[in-house]
Amino acid sequence: MLNHKTLFLIGNVILGLALSLFFIPPFWANLGGWAMVIWMALVSVGVYLITRDKGPKSTMPD
């Protein structure tokens, strides 16, 4: 299984890819509405991987 830091980095790479696809006009022109679906899927996977990393456990009592 991948560790938390690796998942965090993969999530950031996916978000970077989604951001770069957002600014490529031919991508949007050729795919139309499906481009938005692909973009939303990439962003949701990236955010999920980033937020999955909760960091080290707290040593403070509840």
Protein backbone atom coordinates (compact mmCIF):
# COMPACT_ATOMS: atom_id res chain seq x y z
CA MET A 1 0.00 0.00 0.00
CA LEU A 2 1.17 3.51 -0.73
CA ASN A 3 2.17 5.69 2.20
CA HIS A 4 0.50 9.02 2.99
CA LYS A 5 3.20 11.22 1.49
CA THR A 6 3.06 9.37 -1.83
CA LEU A 7 -0.74 9.70 -1.99
CA PHE A 8 -0.45 13.41 -1.21
CA LEU A 9 2.06 13.90 -4.02
CA ILE A 10 -0.03 11.88 -6.50
CA GLY A 11 -3.06 13.99 -5.57
CA ASN A 12 -1.12 17.18 -6.25
CA VAL A 13 0.09 15.87 -9.62
CA ILE A 14 -3.47 14.99 -10.61
CA LEU A 15 -4.68 18.47 -9.60
CA GLY A 16 -1.86 20.01 -11.63
CA LEU A 17 -2.89 17.95 -14.64
CA ALA A 18 -6.51 19.02 -14.19
CA LEU A 19 -5.45 22.65 -13.97
CA SER A 20 -3.34 22.38 -17.11
CA LEU A 21 -6.21 20.73 -19.02
CA PHE A 22 -8.48 23.58 -17.94
CA PHE A 23 -6.37 26.06 -19.93
CA ILE A 24 -6.00 24.06 -23.18
CA PRO A 25 -8.63 25.41 -25.60
CA PRO A 26 -8.41 22.54 -28.15
CA PHE A 27 -9.18 20.06 -25.38
CA TRP A 28 -12.42 21.87 -24.61
CA ALA A 29 -13.29 22.50 -28.25
CA ASN A 30 -12.92 18.86 -29.27
CA LEU A 31 -14.61 17.21 -26.29
CA GLY A 32 -17.28 19.77 -25.43
CA GLY A 33 -19.23 18.85 -22.31
CA TRP A 34 -17.23 15.68 -21.73
CA ALA A 35 -14.18 17.82 -21.04
CA MET A 36 -15.95 19.21 -17.97
CA VAL A 37 -16.81 15.71 -16.81
CA ILE A 38 -13.16 14.63 -17.18
CA TRP A 39 -12.00 17.77 -15.41
CA MET A 40 -14.40 17.25 -12.48
CA ALA A 41 -13.35 13.61 -12.15
CA LEU A 42 -9.65 14.54 -12.07
CA VAL A 43 -10.24 17.25 -9.48
CA SER A 44 -12.33 15.00 -7.26
CA VAL A 45 -9.73 12.21 -7.33
CA GLY A 46 -6.93 14.69 -6.63
CA VAL A 47 -8.75 16.29 -3.70
CA TYR A 48 -9.66 12.86 -2.32
CA LEU A 49 -6.02 11.75 -2.37
CA ILE A 50 -4.85 14.97 -0.73
CA THR A 51 -7.46 14.90 2.03
CA ARG A 52 -6.91 11.20 2.64
CA ASP A 53 -3.53 12.13 4.11
CA LYS A 54 -4.41 13.05 7.66
CA GLY A 55 -0.82 13.33 8.84
CA PRO A 56 0.63 11.89 12.04
CA LYS A 57 -1.70 10.89 14.85
CA SER A 58 -2.09 13.37 17.66
CA THR A 59 -0.50 12.51 21.00
CA MET A 60 -2.82 14.85 22.88
CA PRO A 61 -5.63 13.25 24.90
CA ASP A 62 -9.20 13.88 23.73
